[in-house]
Amino acid sequence: MTDALDTTAAAAPAAQDSQPLYNIEKIYVKDLSVEVPNAPAIFLEREAPQVDVQLHHASKSVDDGIYQTELTITVTAKIGEKTMFLAEANQAGIFQIRNVPNQDLDAILGIGNPNILYPYARETISDAITRAGFPPVLLNPVNFEALYQAQKAQEAQATTQQPAIATATH
């Protein structure tokens, strides 16, 4: 009877090892910069600035089952040709992801992780701009799933448009 219990007890950890695992290990600001190149004169301007927001993210494996995702947001405000401010935040996270199929892993790294990091990056940018002496910039929500799907569609289209390589046999 004890042999049957020992076999069951040994199988339990093995079953746990094959279960999908997703943990947020750390969220941190990897890089942050604010530039106000035309201060102090820019603070006297009364015209509303043109605000441009750029968003980029990238993920990489840093260890077995450990991934880092970086979300970079760059906000540039200009009045005419004069730059009012330029703020850039690189918000990063370390995630433990195990026992997930590769096709699902790609989606987690391209959708799930950026969704987790975005509110932190948004707050970091707004706080940095406010501390530079400007009203806060409130960034709109981002649909990372739509961005991911568009990127995959673009990659698929680029693959189908590549010219065929002719091979000659002698």
N, C-alpha and C. Protein backbone atom coordinates (compact mmCIF):
# COMPACT_ATOMS: atom_id res chain seq x y z
N MET A 1 0.82 -1.20 0.00
CA MET A 1 0.00 0.00 0.00
C MET A 1 0.86 1.26 0.00
N THR A 2 1.99 1.23 0.69
CA THR A 2 2.84 2.42 0.73
C THR A 2 3.48 2.69 -0.62
N ASP A 3 3.72 1.64 -1.43
CA ASP A 3 4.29 1.86 -2.76
C ASP A 3 3.38 2.70 -3.64
N ALA A 4 2.07 2.48 -3.55
CA ALA A 4 1.11 3.24 -4.35
C ALA A 4 1.11 4.71 -3.92
N LEU A 5 1.20 4.97 -2.63
CA LEU A 5 1.23 6.35 -2.15
C LEU A 5 2.51 7.05 -2.58
N ASP A 6 3.62 6.35 -2.53
CA ASP A 6 4.88 6.94 -2.94
C ASP A 6 4.87 7.32 -4.41
N THR A 7 4.29 6.50 -5.26
CA THR A 7 4.20 6.78 -6.70
C THR A 7 3.34 8.00 -6.96
N THR A 8 2.21 8.11 -6.27
CA THR A 8 1.31 9.25 -6.44
C THR A 8 1.99 10.53 -5.96
N ALA A 9 2.67 10.46 -4.83
CA ALA A 9 3.35 11.64 -4.30
C ALA A 9 4.47 12.10 -5.22
N ALA A 10 5.15 11.18 -5.87
CA ALA A 10 6.23 11.54 -6.79
C ALA A 10 5.67 12.13 -8.07
N ALA A 11 4.48 11.72 -8.51
CA ALA A 11 3.88 12.23 -9.74
C ALA A 11 3.34 13.64 -9.56
N ALA A 12 2.95 14.02 -8.35
CA ALA A 12 2.37 15.35 -8.12
C ALA A 12 3.33 16.48 -8.48
N PRO A 13 4.61 16.46 -8.04
CA PRO A 13 5.51 17.55 -8.44
C PRO A 13 5.75 17.57 -9.94
N ALA A 14 5.80 16.41 -10.57
CA ALA A 14 6.01 16.37 -12.02
C ALA A 14 4.84 17.01 -12.74
N ALA A 15 3.61 16.79 -12.26
CA ALA A 15 2.44 17.41 -12.88
C ALA A 15 2.48 18.92 -12.68
N GLN A 16 2.94 19.37 -11.49
CA GLN A 16 3.05 20.81 -11.25
C GLN A 16 4.09 21.44 -12.16
N ASP A 17 5.17 20.74 -12.43
CA ASP A 17 6.24 21.27 -13.27
C ASP A 17 5.78 21.52 -14.71
N SER A 18 4.75 20.82 -15.16
CA SER A 18 4.30 20.99 -16.54
C SER A 18 3.16 22.00 -16.66
N GLN A 19 2.69 22.55 -15.53
CA GLN A 19 1.63 23.55 -15.57
C GLN A 19 2.20 24.89 -16.06
N PRO A 20 1.43 25.61 -16.87
CA PRO A 20 1.90 26.94 -17.29
C PRO A 20 2.11 27.85 -16.07
N LEU A 21 3.16 28.64 -16.12
CA LEU A 21 3.50 29.54 -15.02
C LEU A 21 3.77 30.93 -15.58
N TYR A 22 3.19 31.95 -14.96
CA TYR A 22 3.42 33.34 -15.34
C TYR A 22 3.51 34.15 -14.06
N ASN A 23 4.68 34.71 -13.80
CA ASN A 23 4.90 35.55 -12.62
C ASN A 23 5.59 36.84 -13.02
N ILE A 24 5.16 37.93 -12.40
CA ILE A 24 5.87 39.21 -12.53
C ILE A 24 6.93 39.21 -11.45
N GLU A 25 8.19 39.21 -11.87
CA GLU A 25 9.28 39.19 -10.90
C GLU A 25 9.67 40.60 -10.45
N LYS A 26 9.69 41.56 -11.40
CA LYS A 26 10.12 42.93 -11.06
C LYS A 26 9.65 43.88 -12.15
N ILE A 27 9.18 45.05 -11.75
CA ILE A 27 8.85 46.13 -12.67
C ILE A 27 9.67 47.33 -12.23
N TYR A 28 10.37 47.94 -13.18
CA TYR A 28 11.28 49.03 -12.82
C TYR A 28 11.46 50.00 -13.98
N VAL A 29 11.92 51.21 -13.65
CA VAL A 29 12.27 52.21 -14.66
C VAL A 29 13.72 51.95 -15.03
N LYS A 30 13.96 51.56 -16.27
CA LYS A 30 15.32 51.26 -16.72
C LYS A 30 16.05 52.53 -17.15
N ASP A 31 15.31 53.46 -17.74
CA ASP A 31 15.91 54.72 -18.20
C ASP A 31 14.83 55.78 -18.23
N LEU A 32 15.20 57.01 -17.86
CA LEU A 32 14.26 58.12 -17.85
C LEU A 32 15.03 59.39 -18.17
N SER A 33 14.48 60.17 -19.11
CA SER A 33 15.12 61.45 -19.40
C SER A 33 14.07 62.49 -19.76
N VAL A 34 14.38 63.72 -19.38
CA VAL A 34 13.53 64.87 -19.72
C VAL A 34 14.47 65.98 -20.18
N GLU A 35 14.14 66.57 -21.30
CA GLU A 35 14.92 67.70 -21.82
C GLU A 35 13.99 68.88 -22.06
N VAL A 36 14.44 70.05 -21.64
CA VAL A 36 13.73 71.30 -21.89
C VAL A 36 14.75 72.24 -22.53
N PRO A 37 15.04 72.03 -23.83
CA PRO A 37 16.16 72.73 -24.47
C PRO A 37 15.98 74.24 -24.63
N ASN A 38 14.75 74.71 -24.64
CA ASN A 38 14.52 76.14 -24.87
C ASN A 38 14.06 76.88 -23.62
N ALA A 39 14.39 76.33 -22.45
CA ALA A 39 14.05 77.02 -21.20
C ALA A 39 15.00 78.19 -21.01
N PRO A 40 14.63 79.25 -20.43
CA PRO A 40 13.34 79.53 -19.81
C PRO A 40 12.33 80.16 -20.77
N ALA A 41 12.77 80.55 -21.96
CA ALA A 41 11.89 81.27 -22.88
C ALA A 41 10.64 80.46 -23.24
N ILE A 42 10.75 79.14 -23.29
CA ILE A 42 9.63 78.32 -23.70
C ILE A 42 8.47 78.40 -22.71
N PHE A 43 8.77 78.73 -21.44
CA PHE A 43 7.72 78.84 -20.44
C PHE A 43 6.87 80.11 -20.62
N LEU A 44 7.35 81.04 -21.45
CA LEU A 44 6.60 82.26 -21.72
C LEU A 44 5.66 82.11 -22.90
N GLU A 45 5.78 81.04 -23.65
CA GLU A 45 4.92 80.78 -24.81
C GLU A 45 3.49 80.52 -24.35
N ARG A 46 2.53 81.04 -25.10
CA ARG A 46 1.11 80.84 -24.75
C ARG A 46 0.41 79.93 -25.77
N GLU A 47 1.11 79.63 -26.84
CA GLU A 47 0.54 78.79 -27.90
C GLU A 47 0.51 77.33 -27.44
N ALA A 48 -0.51 76.61 -27.87
CA ALA A 48 -0.62 75.18 -27.53
C ALA A 48 0.39 74.39 -28.35
N PRO A 49 1.09 73.47 -27.71
CA PRO A 49 2.11 72.70 -28.44
C PRO A 49 1.50 71.54 -29.24
N GLN A 50 2.25 71.10 -30.24
CA GLN A 50 1.95 69.86 -30.95
C GLN A 50 2.66 68.76 -30.19
N VAL A 51 1.92 67.74 -29.78
CA VAL A 51 2.50 66.66 -28.99
C VAL A 51 2.55 65.39 -29.83
N ASP A 52 3.74 64.80 -29.89
CA ASP A 52 3.96 63.56 -30.63
C ASP A 52 4.35 62.48 -29.64
N VAL A 53 3.70 61.32 -29.73
CA VAL A 53 3.98 60.20 -28.84
C VAL A 53 4.44 59.01 -29.66
N GLN A 54 5.59 58.47 -29.30
CA GLN A 54 6.13 57.26 -29.95
C GLN A 54 6.18 56.15 -28.90
N LEU A 55 5.85 54.94 -29.33
CA LEU A 55 5.79 53.80 -28.42
C LEU A 55 6.50 52.62 -29.06
N HIS A 56 7.40 52.00 -28.33
CA HIS A 56 8.13 50.82 -28.82
C HIS A 56 8.25 49.83 -27.67
N HIS A 57 8.22 48.55 -28.02
CA HIS A 57 8.48 47.54 -26.99
C HIS A 57 9.27 46.39 -27.58
N ALA A 58 10.04 45.76 -26.71
CA ALA A 58 10.88 44.63 -27.13
C ALA A 58 11.03 43.69 -25.94
N SER A 59 11.12 42.41 -26.25
CA SER A 59 11.31 41.39 -25.22
C SER A 59 12.49 40.52 -25.58
N LYS A 60 13.15 40.01 -24.54
CA LYS A 60 14.24 39.08 -24.78
C LYS A 60 14.32 38.11 -23.60
N SER A 61 14.88 36.94 -23.88
CA SER A 61 15.10 35.95 -22.85
C SER A 61 16.37 36.31 -22.10
N VAL A 62 16.33 36.30 -20.77
CA VAL A 62 17.52 36.61 -19.97
C VAL A 62 18.03 35.39 -19.21
N ASP A 63 17.21 34.36 -19.13
CA ASP A 63 17.58 33.11 -18.47
C ASP A 63 16.52 32.09 -18.85
N ASP A 64 16.69 30.86 -18.45
CA ASP A 64 15.71 29.83 -18.76
C ASP A 64 14.37 30.16 -18.11
N GLY A 65 13.37 30.48 -18.94
CA GLY A 65 12.04 30.80 -18.43
C GLY A 65 11.90 32.20 -17.87
N ILE A 66 12.93 33.03 -18.01
CA ILE A 66 12.91 34.41 -17.50
C ILE A 66 13.06 35.35 -18.70
N TYR A 67 12.15 36.31 -18.80
CA TYR A 67 12.14 37.25 -19.93
C TYR A 67 12.09 38.67 -19.42
N GLN A 68 12.71 39.56 -20.19
CA GLN A 68 12.62 40.99 -19.90
C GLN A 68 11.86 41.64 -21.04
N THR A 69 10.89 42.45 -20.70
CA THR A 69 10.17 43.25 -21.68
C THR A 69 10.43 44.71 -21.36
N GLU A 70 10.76 45.49 -22.38
CA GLU A 70 10.98 46.93 -22.22
C GLU A 70 9.94 47.67 -23.06
N LEU A 71 9.33 48.65 -22.46
CA LEU A 71 8.36 49.51 -23.13
C LEU A 71 8.92 50.93 -23.09
N THR A 72 9.18 51.49 -24.25
CA THR A 72 9.75 52.83 -24.32
C THR A 72 8.71 53.79 -24.89
N ILE A 73 8.47 54.86 -24.16
CA ILE A 73 7.54 55.90 -24.59
C ILE A 73 8.32 57.20 -24.70
N THR A 74 8.21 57.84 -25.87
CA THR A 74 8.86 59.12 -26.11
C THR A 74 7.77 60.15 -26.42
N VAL A 75 7.76 61.22 -25.66
CA VAL A 75 6.79 62.30 -25.86
C VAL A 75 7.56 63.56 -26.19
N THR A 76 7.24 64.15 -27.35
CA THR A 76 7.88 65.39 -27.78
C THR A 76 6.80 66.45 -27.98
N ALA A 77 6.99 67.60 -27.36
CA ALA A 77 6.06 68.72 -27.53
C ALA A 77 6.81 69.86 -28.20
N LYS A 78 6.21 70.39 -29.28
CA LYS A 78 6.83 71.49 -30.02
C LYS A 78 5.83 72.61 -30.25
N ILE A 79 6.36 73.81 -30.26
CA ILE A 79 5.61 74.98 -30.69
C ILE A 79 6.34 75.49 -31.91
N GLY A 80 5.73 75.28 -33.07
CA GLY A 80 6.42 75.59 -34.32
C GLY A 80 7.63 74.68 -34.44
N GLU A 81 8.81 75.29 -34.59
CA GLU A 81 10.05 74.51 -34.69
C GLU A 81 10.75 74.36 -33.34
N LYS A 82 10.26 75.10 -32.34
CA LYS A 82 10.90 75.06 -31.02
C LYS A 82 10.39 73.86 -30.21
N THR A 83 11.33 73.10 -29.67
CA THR A 83 10.95 71.99 -28.80
C THR A 83 10.65 72.53 -27.42
N MET A 84 9.44 72.24 -26.95
CA MET A 84 9.04 72.64 -25.61
C MET A 84 9.67 71.67 -24.60
N PHE A 85 9.47 70.39 -24.83
CA PHE A 85 10.11 69.37 -24.00
C PHE A 85 10.16 68.05 -24.75
N LEU A 86 11.07 67.22 -24.31
CA LEU A 86 11.20 65.85 -24.82
C LEU A 86 11.36 64.96 -23.58
N ALA A 87 10.44 64.02 -23.42
CA ALA A 87 10.51 63.10 -22.28
C ALA A 87 10.49 61.67 -22.81
N GLU A 88 11.36 60.85 -22.25
CA GLU A 88 11.41 59.45 -22.66
C GLU A 88 11.56 58.57 -21.43
N ALA A 89 10.71 57.56 -21.36
CA ALA A 89 10.78 56.60 -20.26
C ALA A 89 10.90 55.20 -20.83
N ASN A 90 11.82 54.44 -20.28
CA ASN A 90 11.97 53.03 -20.64
C ASN A 90 11.57 52.23 -19.40
N GLN A 91 10.33 51.76 -19.42
CA GLN A 91 9.80 50.97 -18.32
C GLN A 91 10.06 49.51 -18.64
N ALA A 92 10.61 48.77 -17.70
CA ALA A 92 10.96 47.37 -17.97
C ALA A 92 10.35 46.46 -16.91
N GLY A 93 10.25 45.21 -17.29
CA GLY A 93 9.74 44.22 -16.36
C GLY A 93 10.45 42.90 -16.59
N ILE A 94 10.63 42.16 -15.51
CA ILE A 94 11.19 40.82 -15.59
C ILE A 94 10.04 39.86 -15.27
N PHE A 95 9.83 38.90 -16.16
CA PHE A 95 8.70 37.99 -16.06
C PHE A 95 9.19 36.55 -16.12
N GLN A 96 8.62 35.72 -15.27
CA GLN A 96 8.91 34.29 -15.31
C GLN A 96 7.76 33.63 -16.07
N ILE A 97 8.10 33.00 -17.19
CA ILE A 97 7.09 32.36 -18.04
C ILE A 97 7.61 30.97 -18.37
N ARG A 98 6.88 29.96 -17.92
CA ARG A 98 7.32 28.59 -18.13
C ARG A 98 6.16 27.72 -18.63
N ASN A 99 6.53 26.68 -19.37
CA ASN A 99 5.58 25.67 -19.83
C ASN A 99 4.46 26.26 -20.68
N VAL A 100 4.81 27.20 -21.53
CA VAL A 100 3.86 27.84 -22.43
C VAL A 100 4.31 27.53 -23.85
N PRO A 101 3.40 27.09 -24.73
CA PRO A 101 3.79 26.83 -26.12
C PRO A 101 4.36 28.09 -26.79
N ASN A 102 5.30 27.90 -27.72
CA ASN A 102 5.98 29.04 -28.36
C ASN A 102 5.02 30.03 -29.00
N GLN A 103 3.95 29.55 -29.67
CA GLN A 103 3.03 30.48 -30.31
C GLN A 103 2.30 31.34 -29.26
N ASP A 104 2.06 30.79 -28.07
CA ASP A 104 1.44 31.56 -27.00
C ASP A 104 2.46 32.49 -26.33
N LEU A 105 3.70 32.06 -26.23
CA LEU A 105 4.75 32.86 -25.62
C LEU A 105 4.93 34.17 -26.39
N ASP A 106 4.91 34.10 -27.70
CA ASP A 106 5.06 35.29 -28.53
C ASP A 106 3.95 36.30 -28.23
N ALA A 107 2.72 35.82 -28.08
CA ALA A 107 1.60 36.72 -27.77
C ALA A 107 1.72 37.30 -26.37
N ILE A 108 2.18 36.49 -25.42
CA ILE A 108 2.35 36.99 -24.04
C ILE A 108 3.39 38.12 -24.04
N LEU A 109 4.50 37.90 -24.74
CA LEU A 109 5.57 38.91 -24.79
C LEU A 109 5.14 40.15 -25.57
N GLY A 110 4.27 39.99 -26.56
CA GLY A 110 3.87 41.12 -27.40
C GLY A 110 2.60 41.82 -26.96
N ILE A 111 1.79 41.15 -26.14
CA ILE A 111 0.52 41.75 -25.70
C ILE A 111 0.46 41.85 -24.18
N GLY A 112 0.61 40.72 -23.51
CA GLY A 112 0.42 40.67 -22.05
C GLY A 112 1.41 41.53 -21.29
N ASN A 113 2.69 41.34 -21.56
CA ASN A 113 3.71 42.11 -20.82
C ASN A 113 3.60 43.61 -21.07
N PRO A 114 3.46 44.08 -22.32
CA PRO A 114 3.29 45.53 -22.51
C PRO A 114 2.03 46.08 -21.83
N ASN A 115 0.95 45.28 -21.80
CA ASN A 115 -0.26 45.72 -21.09
C ASN A 115 0.00 45.94 -19.61
N ILE A 116 0.84 45.12 -19.03
CA ILE A 116 1.18 45.27 -17.61
C ILE A 116 2.07 46.48 -17.39
N LEU A 117 3.03 46.70 -18.28
CA LEU A 117 3.99 47.79 -18.11
C LEU A 117 3.42 49.17 -18.43
N TYR A 118 2.46 49.25 -19.35
CA TYR A 118 1.98 50.54 -19.85
C TYR A 118 1.49 51.49 -18.74
N PRO A 119 0.66 51.05 -17.80
CA PRO A 119 0.23 52.02 -16.77
C PRO A 119 1.39 52.61 -15.97
N TYR A 120 2.41 51.81 -15.72
CA TYR A 120 3.58 52.31 -15.00
C TYR A 120 4.33 53.34 -15.84
N ALA A 121 4.53 53.03 -17.12
CA ALA A 121 5.23 53.95 -18.02
C ALA A 121 4.45 55.25 -18.19
N ARG A 122 3.14 55.11 -18.28
CA ARG A 122 2.26 56.27 -18.43
C ARG A 122 2.40 57.21 -17.22
N GLU A 123 2.41 56.64 -16.04
CA GLU A 123 2.56 57.43 -14.82
C GLU A 123 3.95 58.06 -14.74
N THR A 124 4.97 57.32 -15.12
CA THR A 124 6.35 57.83 -15.09
C THR A 124 6.49 59.02 -16.02
N ILE A 125 5.96 58.92 -17.23
CA ILE A 125 6.03 60.03 -18.20
C ILE A 125 5.28 61.26 -17.66
N SER A 126 4.06 61.06 -17.20
CA SER A 126 3.26 62.17 -16.70
C SER A 126 3.96 62.87 -15.54
N ASP A 127 4.51 62.10 -14.62
CA ASP A 127 5.20 62.66 -13.46
C ASP A 127 6.46 63.43 -13.88
N ALA A 128 7.21 62.88 -14.82
CA ALA A 128 8.45 63.55 -15.27
C ALA A 128 8.13 64.88 -15.95
N ILE A 129 7.09 64.90 -16.76
CA ILE A 129 6.73 66.13 -17.47
C ILE A 129 6.24 67.18 -16.47
N THR A 130 5.47 66.75 -15.48
CA THR A 130 5.00 67.67 -14.44
C THR A 130 6.17 68.24 -13.64
N ARG A 131 7.12 67.39 -13.30
CA ARG A 131 8.30 67.86 -12.54
C ARG A 131 9.17 68.80 -13.37
N ALA A 132 9.06 68.73 -14.69
CA ALA A 132 9.81 69.65 -15.55
C ALA A 132 9.12 71.01 -15.65
N GLY A 133 7.94 71.14 -15.04
CA GLY A 133 7.27 72.45 -15.00
C GLY A 133 6.12 72.59 -15.97
N PHE A 134 5.68 71.50 -16.59
CA PHE A 134 4.60 71.55 -17.57
C PHE A 134 3.37 70.83 -17.03
N PRO A 135 2.21 71.13 -17.61
CA PRO A 135 1.03 70.36 -17.22
C PRO A 135 1.23 68.89 -17.60
N PRO A 136 0.65 67.97 -16.84
CA PRO A 136 0.85 66.55 -17.15
C PRO A 136 0.28 66.18 -18.51
N VAL A 137 0.94 65.27 -19.16
CA VAL A 137 0.45 64.72 -20.42
C VAL A 137 -0.20 63.40 -20.07
N LEU A 138 -1.48 63.28 -20.35
CA LEU A 138 -2.20 62.05 -20.05
C LEU A 138 -2.29 61.23 -21.34
N LEU A 139 -1.56 60.15 -21.36
CA LEU A 139 -1.51 59.30 -22.55
C LEU A 139 -2.76 58.44 -22.65
N ASN A 140 -3.27 58.30 -23.87
CA ASN A 140 -4.45 57.49 -24.10
C ASN A 140 -4.13 56.01 -23.92
N PRO A 141 -5.15 55.21 -23.60
CA PRO A 141 -4.92 53.76 -23.54
C PRO A 141 -4.44 53.23 -24.89
N VAL A 142 -3.70 52.13 -24.85
CA VAL A 142 -3.15 51.51 -26.06
C VAL A 142 -3.68 50.08 -26.15
N ASN A 143 -4.12 49.70 -27.35
CA ASN A 143 -4.58 48.34 -27.59
C ASN A 143 -3.40 47.53 -28.13
N PHE A 144 -2.67 46.89 -27.24
CA PHE A 144 -1.48 46.13 -27.65
C PHE A 144 -1.85 44.90 -28.47
N GLU A 145 -3.05 44.38 -28.27
CA GLU A 145 -3.47 43.23 -29.08
C GLU A 145 -3.63 43.64 -30.53
N ALA A 146 -4.23 44.80 -30.79
CA ALA A 146 -4.39 45.28 -32.16
C ALA A 146 -3.02 45.58 -32.78
N LEU A 147 -2.10 46.16 -32.01
CA LEU A 147 -0.75 46.42 -32.52
C LEU A 147 -0.03 45.12 -32.85
N TYR A 148 -0.20 44.11 -32.00
CA TYR A 148 0.42 42.80 -32.21
C TYR A 148 -0.12 42.15 -33.49
N GLN A 149 -1.44 42.18 -33.64
CA GLN A 149 -2.07 41.59 -34.83
C GLN A 149 -1.62 42.31 -36.10
N ALA A 150 -1.53 43.63 -36.05
CA ALA A 150 -1.07 44.41 -37.21
C ALA A 150 0.37 44.07 -37.55
N GLN A 151 1.21 43.91 -36.53
CA GLN A 151 2.61 43.56 -36.76
C GLN A 151 2.71 42.18 -37.40
N LYS A 152 1.94 41.22 -36.91
CA LYS A 152 1.96 39.86 -37.47
C LYS A 152 1.47 39.87 -38.91
N ALA A 153 0.44 40.64 -39.20
CA ALA A 153 -0.08 40.74 -40.57
C ALA A 153 0.97 41.36 -41.49
N GLN A 154 1.67 42.38 -40.99
CA GLN A 154 2.72 43.04 -41.78
C GLN A 154 3.87 42.07 -42.04
N GLU A 155 4.26 41.29 -41.04
CA GLU A 155 5.32 40.30 -41.23
C GLU A 155 4.92 39.23 -42.23
N ALA A 156 3.67 38.79 -42.16
CA ALA A 156 3.17 37.77 -43.11
C ALA A 156 3.16 38.32 -44.54
N GLN A 157 2.77 39.57 -44.68
CA GLN A 157 2.73 40.20 -46.00
C GLN A 157 4.15 40.37 -46.54
N ALA A 158 5.08 40.75 -45.70
CA ALA A 158 6.48 40.92 -46.13
C ALA A 158 7.06 39.58 -46.57
N THR A 159 6.68 38.50 -45.88
CA THR A 159 7.18 37.17 -46.23
C THR A 159 6.65 36.73 -47.59
N THR A 160 5.39 37.01 -47.88
CA THR A 160 4.79 36.58 -49.15
C THR A 160 5.26 37.44 -50.32
N GLN A 161 5.77 38.64 -50.05
CA GLN A 161 6.21 39.53 -51.12
C GLN A 161 7.68 39.39 -51.47
N GLN A 162 8.42 38.56 -50.74
CA GLN A 162 9.83 38.38 -51.04
C GLN A 162 9.97 37.65 -52.37
N PRO A 163 10.89 38.09 -53.23
CA PRO A 163 11.06 37.43 -54.51
C PRO A 163 11.65 36.03 -54.34
N ALA A 164 11.23 35.15 -55.20
CA ALA A 164 11.75 33.79 -55.16
C ALA A 164 13.19 33.77 -55.67
N ILE A 165 14.01 32.97 -55.06
CA ILE A 165 15.40 32.88 -55.47
C ILE A 165 15.52 31.72 -56.46
N ALA A 166 16.02 32.04 -57.63
CA ALA A 166 16.16 31.01 -58.66
C ALA A 166 17.44 30.22 -58.39
N THR A 167 17.35 28.93 -58.50
CA THR A 167 18.54 28.09 -58.33
C THR A 167 18.86 27.42 -59.64
N ALA A 168 20.10 27.45 -59.97
CA ALA A 168 20.54 26.84 -61.23
C ALA A 168 21.23 25.52 -60.91
N THR A 169 20.97 24.52 -61.72
CA THR A 169 21.65 23.23 -61.55
C THR A 169 22.49 22.96 -62.78
N HIS A 170 23.62 22.41 -62.57
CA HIS A 170 24.53 22.13 -63.68
C HIS A 170 24.67 20.67 -63.85
